N, C-alpha and C. Protein backbone atom coordinates (compact mmCIF):
# COMPACT_ATOMS: atom_id res chain seq x y z
N MET A 1 71.91 -13.96 -43.99
CA MET A 1 71.08 -12.78 -43.85
C MET A 1 71.94 -11.53 -43.88
N THR A 2 73.13 -11.60 -43.31
CA THR A 2 74.02 -10.45 -43.32
C THR A 2 74.32 -10.02 -44.75
N ASP A 3 74.57 -10.99 -45.63
CA ASP A 3 74.84 -10.68 -47.03
C ASP A 3 73.65 -9.99 -47.68
N VAL A 4 72.44 -10.43 -47.36
CA VAL A 4 71.24 -9.83 -47.93
C VAL A 4 71.16 -8.37 -47.53
N VAL A 5 71.39 -8.09 -46.25
CA VAL A 5 71.31 -6.71 -45.78
C VAL A 5 72.44 -5.88 -46.37
N ALA A 6 73.67 -6.39 -46.31
CA ALA A 6 74.84 -5.63 -46.76
C ALA A 6 74.83 -5.39 -48.26
N ASN A 7 74.40 -6.39 -49.03
CA ASN A 7 74.53 -6.30 -50.49
C ASN A 7 73.22 -6.06 -51.22
N SER A 8 72.13 -5.94 -50.49
CA SER A 8 70.85 -5.79 -51.18
C SER A 8 69.94 -4.78 -50.49
N THR A 9 69.32 -5.19 -49.40
CA THR A 9 68.28 -4.36 -48.80
C THR A 9 68.78 -3.02 -48.27
N SER A 10 70.05 -2.94 -47.90
CA SER A 10 70.57 -1.65 -47.40
C SER A 10 70.70 -0.62 -48.52
N HIS A 11 70.57 -1.05 -49.76
CA HIS A 11 70.68 -0.15 -50.91
C HIS A 11 69.32 0.23 -51.49
N LEU A 12 68.24 -0.18 -50.85
CA LEU A 12 66.92 0.16 -51.35
C LEU A 12 66.64 1.64 -51.17
N SER A 13 65.93 2.19 -52.11
CA SER A 13 65.53 3.60 -52.00
C SER A 13 64.40 3.72 -50.99
N ASP A 14 64.15 4.95 -50.55
CA ASP A 14 63.03 5.17 -49.62
C ASP A 14 61.72 4.76 -50.26
N ALA A 15 61.57 5.01 -51.57
CA ALA A 15 60.34 4.62 -52.26
C ALA A 15 60.17 3.11 -52.25
N ASP A 16 61.26 2.36 -52.46
CA ASP A 16 61.18 0.90 -52.42
C ASP A 16 60.81 0.42 -51.02
N LEU A 17 61.41 1.01 -50.01
CA LEU A 17 61.10 0.62 -48.63
C LEU A 17 59.64 0.91 -48.31
N GLN A 18 59.15 2.06 -48.74
CA GLN A 18 57.74 2.41 -48.51
C GLN A 18 56.81 1.43 -49.23
N ALA A 19 57.18 1.05 -50.46
CA ALA A 19 56.35 0.10 -51.21
C ALA A 19 56.32 -1.26 -50.53
N MET A 20 57.47 -1.70 -50.03
CA MET A 20 57.53 -2.98 -49.33
C MET A 20 56.71 -2.92 -48.04
N ALA A 21 56.83 -1.81 -47.31
CA ALA A 21 56.07 -1.66 -46.07
C ALA A 21 54.57 -1.65 -46.36
N ALA A 22 54.16 -0.96 -47.42
CA ALA A 22 52.74 -0.93 -47.79
C ALA A 22 52.24 -2.32 -48.13
N TYR A 23 53.05 -3.09 -48.85
CA TYR A 23 52.66 -4.46 -49.18
C TYR A 23 52.49 -5.29 -47.92
N LEU A 24 53.48 -5.24 -47.02
CA LEU A 24 53.41 -6.05 -45.79
C LEU A 24 52.19 -5.66 -44.96
N LYS A 25 51.89 -4.37 -44.90
CA LYS A 25 50.72 -3.92 -44.14
C LYS A 25 49.41 -4.34 -44.79
N SER A 26 49.44 -4.62 -46.10
CA SER A 26 48.22 -5.00 -46.80
C SER A 26 47.87 -6.47 -46.61
N LEU A 27 48.78 -7.27 -46.08
CA LEU A 27 48.53 -8.69 -45.90
C LEU A 27 47.44 -8.92 -44.87
N ASP A 28 46.66 -9.93 -45.09
CA ASP A 28 45.55 -10.27 -44.20
C ASP A 28 46.07 -10.76 -42.87
N PRO A 29 45.81 -10.04 -41.77
CA PRO A 29 46.30 -10.50 -40.46
C PRO A 29 45.68 -11.82 -40.04
N GLY A 30 44.54 -12.18 -40.59
CA GLY A 30 43.93 -13.46 -40.27
C GLY A 30 44.78 -14.62 -40.72
N GLN A 31 45.54 -14.44 -41.80
CA GLN A 31 46.43 -15.49 -42.27
C GLN A 31 47.57 -15.73 -41.29
N ALA A 32 47.97 -14.72 -40.56
CA ALA A 32 49.06 -14.87 -39.60
C ALA A 32 48.70 -15.89 -38.54
N ARG A 33 47.43 -15.93 -38.14
CA ARG A 33 47.02 -16.87 -37.11
C ARG A 33 47.23 -18.31 -37.56
N ALA A 34 47.09 -18.56 -38.83
CA ALA A 34 47.27 -19.92 -39.35
C ALA A 34 48.73 -20.35 -39.27
N HIS A 35 49.64 -19.39 -39.14
CA HIS A 35 51.06 -19.71 -39.12
C HIS A 35 51.72 -19.44 -37.77
N GLN A 36 50.93 -19.17 -36.75
CA GLN A 36 51.51 -18.87 -35.45
C GLN A 36 52.19 -20.11 -34.89
N ALA A 37 53.14 -19.84 -34.01
CA ALA A 37 53.94 -20.92 -33.45
C ALA A 37 53.09 -21.94 -32.71
N ASP A 38 53.33 -23.18 -32.99
CA ASP A 38 52.71 -24.28 -32.26
C ASP A 38 53.74 -24.69 -31.22
N ALA A 39 53.46 -24.47 -29.95
CA ALA A 39 54.45 -24.67 -28.88
C ALA A 39 55.02 -26.08 -28.87
N GLU A 40 54.19 -27.07 -29.07
CA GLU A 40 54.69 -28.46 -29.05
C GLU A 40 55.65 -28.72 -30.20
N ARG A 41 55.27 -28.28 -31.38
CA ARG A 41 56.13 -28.47 -32.56
C ARG A 41 57.42 -27.67 -32.43
N ALA A 42 57.32 -26.44 -31.91
CA ALA A 42 58.50 -25.60 -31.74
C ALA A 42 59.45 -26.24 -30.73
N GLY A 43 58.91 -26.81 -29.66
CA GLY A 43 59.74 -27.49 -28.67
C GLY A 43 60.46 -28.69 -29.25
N ALA A 44 59.75 -29.46 -30.08
CA ALA A 44 60.37 -30.63 -30.72
C ALA A 44 61.49 -30.20 -31.65
N THR A 45 61.29 -29.11 -32.38
CA THR A 45 62.34 -28.60 -33.27
C THR A 45 63.55 -28.15 -32.47
N ALA A 46 63.32 -27.42 -31.39
CA ALA A 46 64.44 -26.95 -30.56
C ALA A 46 65.22 -28.12 -29.97
N ARG A 47 64.51 -29.15 -29.53
CA ARG A 47 65.20 -30.33 -28.99
C ARG A 47 66.03 -31.03 -30.06
N LYS A 48 65.48 -31.14 -31.27
CA LYS A 48 66.22 -31.79 -32.35
C LYS A 48 67.46 -30.98 -32.71
N LEU A 49 67.32 -29.67 -32.82
CA LEU A 49 68.48 -28.83 -33.14
C LEU A 49 69.53 -28.89 -32.04
N ALA A 50 69.10 -28.90 -30.79
CA ALA A 50 70.04 -28.97 -29.67
C ALA A 50 70.80 -30.29 -29.67
N ALA A 51 70.14 -31.37 -30.05
CA ALA A 51 70.80 -32.68 -30.10
C ALA A 51 71.77 -32.75 -31.28
N ALA A 52 71.49 -32.01 -32.34
CA ALA A 52 72.35 -31.94 -33.53
C ALA A 52 72.67 -33.31 -34.12
N ARG A 53 71.66 -34.17 -34.22
CA ARG A 53 71.82 -35.50 -34.81
C ARG A 53 70.80 -35.70 -35.91
N ASP A 54 71.25 -36.34 -36.99
CA ASP A 54 70.37 -36.67 -38.12
C ASP A 54 69.62 -35.43 -38.62
N LEU A 55 70.36 -34.36 -38.85
CA LEU A 55 69.74 -33.10 -39.28
C LEU A 55 69.64 -33.02 -40.80
N SER A 56 68.59 -32.36 -41.28
CA SER A 56 68.45 -32.10 -42.71
C SER A 56 69.41 -30.97 -43.08
N LEU A 57 69.56 -30.72 -44.38
CA LEU A 57 70.42 -29.63 -44.83
C LEU A 57 69.94 -28.30 -44.26
N GLY A 58 68.62 -28.06 -44.30
CA GLY A 58 68.08 -26.82 -43.77
C GLY A 58 68.36 -26.64 -42.28
N GLU A 59 68.25 -27.72 -41.53
CA GLU A 59 68.54 -27.65 -40.09
C GLU A 59 70.02 -27.36 -39.84
N ARG A 60 70.88 -27.97 -40.63
CA ARG A 60 72.33 -27.70 -40.49
C ARG A 60 72.64 -26.25 -40.86
N LEU A 61 72.01 -25.76 -41.93
CA LEU A 61 72.22 -24.36 -42.33
C LEU A 61 71.77 -23.41 -41.22
N TYR A 62 70.63 -23.71 -40.60
CA TYR A 62 70.15 -22.87 -39.50
C TYR A 62 71.16 -22.85 -38.37
N LEU A 63 71.65 -24.04 -37.97
CA LEU A 63 72.63 -24.09 -36.88
C LEU A 63 73.90 -23.33 -37.22
N ASP A 64 74.36 -23.45 -38.46
CA ASP A 64 75.61 -22.81 -38.86
C ASP A 64 75.47 -21.30 -39.03
N ASN A 65 74.30 -20.82 -39.44
CA ASN A 65 74.17 -19.42 -39.83
C ASN A 65 73.24 -18.57 -38.97
N CYS A 66 72.32 -19.18 -38.27
CA CYS A 66 71.30 -18.41 -37.55
C CYS A 66 71.32 -18.63 -36.04
N ASN A 67 71.75 -19.82 -35.64
CA ASN A 67 71.68 -20.24 -34.25
C ASN A 67 72.41 -19.32 -33.28
N ALA A 68 73.54 -18.76 -33.68
CA ALA A 68 74.33 -17.93 -32.76
C ALA A 68 73.53 -16.75 -32.23
N CYS A 69 72.66 -16.21 -33.06
CA CYS A 69 71.87 -15.05 -32.65
C CYS A 69 70.44 -15.39 -32.24
N HIS A 70 69.84 -16.34 -32.95
CA HIS A 70 68.42 -16.64 -32.74
C HIS A 70 68.18 -17.88 -31.90
N PHE A 71 69.24 -18.63 -31.60
CA PHE A 71 69.20 -19.81 -30.73
C PHE A 71 68.36 -20.94 -31.32
N VAL A 72 68.48 -22.13 -30.74
CA VAL A 72 67.75 -23.28 -31.27
C VAL A 72 66.25 -23.10 -31.15
N SER A 73 65.82 -22.28 -30.23
CA SER A 73 64.38 -22.03 -30.04
C SER A 73 63.82 -21.08 -31.08
N GLY A 74 64.69 -20.33 -31.77
CA GLY A 74 64.23 -19.32 -32.71
C GLY A 74 63.71 -18.06 -32.03
N LYS A 75 63.85 -17.98 -30.71
CA LYS A 75 63.31 -16.85 -29.97
C LYS A 75 64.22 -15.63 -29.95
N GLY A 76 65.51 -15.81 -30.26
CA GLY A 76 66.42 -14.68 -30.25
C GLY A 76 66.60 -14.11 -28.86
N ALA A 77 67.18 -12.94 -28.79
CA ALA A 77 67.39 -12.24 -27.53
C ALA A 77 66.57 -10.95 -27.59
N GLU A 78 65.63 -10.82 -26.68
CA GLU A 78 64.72 -9.67 -26.70
C GLU A 78 65.48 -8.36 -26.84
N ARG A 79 65.00 -7.50 -27.73
CA ARG A 79 65.55 -6.17 -28.00
C ARG A 79 66.92 -6.22 -28.68
N VAL A 80 67.42 -7.42 -29.01
CA VAL A 80 68.70 -7.53 -29.70
C VAL A 80 68.53 -8.30 -31.00
N PHE A 81 68.06 -9.53 -30.91
CA PHE A 81 67.82 -10.38 -32.09
C PHE A 81 66.36 -10.81 -32.06
N PRO A 82 65.63 -10.55 -33.12
CA PRO A 82 64.19 -10.81 -33.12
C PRO A 82 63.84 -12.29 -33.10
N GLN A 83 62.66 -12.55 -32.62
CA GLN A 83 62.09 -13.90 -32.61
C GLN A 83 61.76 -14.29 -34.04
N LEU A 84 62.17 -15.49 -34.46
CA LEU A 84 61.89 -15.95 -35.81
C LEU A 84 60.63 -16.80 -35.87
N ASP A 85 60.25 -17.41 -34.77
CA ASP A 85 59.08 -18.27 -34.74
C ASP A 85 57.98 -17.55 -33.98
N GLY A 86 56.79 -17.55 -34.54
CA GLY A 86 55.67 -16.91 -33.85
C GLY A 86 55.22 -15.65 -34.55
N PRO A 87 54.95 -14.59 -33.79
CA PRO A 87 54.41 -13.37 -34.38
C PRO A 87 55.30 -12.82 -35.49
N ARG A 88 54.65 -12.20 -36.45
CA ARG A 88 55.41 -11.65 -37.58
C ARG A 88 56.38 -10.58 -37.11
N TRP A 89 57.53 -10.57 -37.77
CA TRP A 89 58.53 -9.54 -37.54
C TRP A 89 59.03 -9.10 -38.90
N SER A 90 59.21 -7.83 -39.09
CA SER A 90 59.73 -7.32 -40.35
C SER A 90 60.72 -6.22 -40.06
N PRO A 91 61.87 -6.22 -40.76
CA PRO A 91 62.82 -5.13 -40.56
C PRO A 91 62.25 -3.78 -41.00
N LEU A 92 61.18 -3.80 -41.79
CA LEU A 92 60.58 -2.57 -42.25
C LEU A 92 59.65 -1.95 -41.21
N THR A 93 59.17 -2.76 -40.30
CA THR A 93 58.20 -2.27 -39.32
C THR A 93 58.71 -2.36 -37.89
N SER A 94 59.96 -2.77 -37.71
CA SER A 94 60.49 -2.95 -36.37
C SER A 94 61.71 -2.07 -36.15
N ARG A 95 61.89 -1.63 -34.93
CA ARG A 95 63.10 -0.87 -34.59
C ARG A 95 64.29 -1.79 -34.40
N THR A 96 64.02 -3.07 -34.16
CA THR A 96 65.08 -4.07 -34.00
C THR A 96 65.56 -4.49 -35.37
N ARG A 97 66.83 -4.42 -35.62
CA ARG A 97 67.40 -4.81 -36.91
C ARG A 97 67.98 -6.22 -36.79
N CYS A 98 67.67 -7.04 -37.74
CA CYS A 98 68.13 -8.42 -37.74
C CYS A 98 69.39 -8.59 -38.57
N CYS A 99 70.34 -9.30 -38.04
CA CYS A 99 71.45 -9.83 -38.82
C CYS A 99 72.26 -8.76 -39.54
N THR A 100 72.53 -7.64 -38.89
CA THR A 100 73.35 -6.60 -39.54
C THR A 100 74.69 -6.52 -38.89
C-alpha cells in the first residue's frame, strides 16, 4: 500500500481526487450492508492468522505487509491505522491516512 500511495495516488490532481470522491459517494450504501463484517467469520480469520499455520498466499501476504499496522483482526489502531474489516473507509473521505 505504501508503494501505491508514494508512486501513484499521491500524484493525483485535485480534479482526479474529486472525481474519485464523487464516484465513491455515488455508490449505493445499501450494498455496503451486504459486505459488513460478520463477527464470527472475522474472529475465525483472526484466529487463523494468529496461528500462522497452513496459510494461503493471500493470508501470508497480509501478515507480511499489513499485519504490523492493521493487526490480525483487521481493526487497526483507532485514529492511527484504519479498520479494514467492516464499515467502509476511504483515504478520500477520511482524515486518517492509511499506509503512508
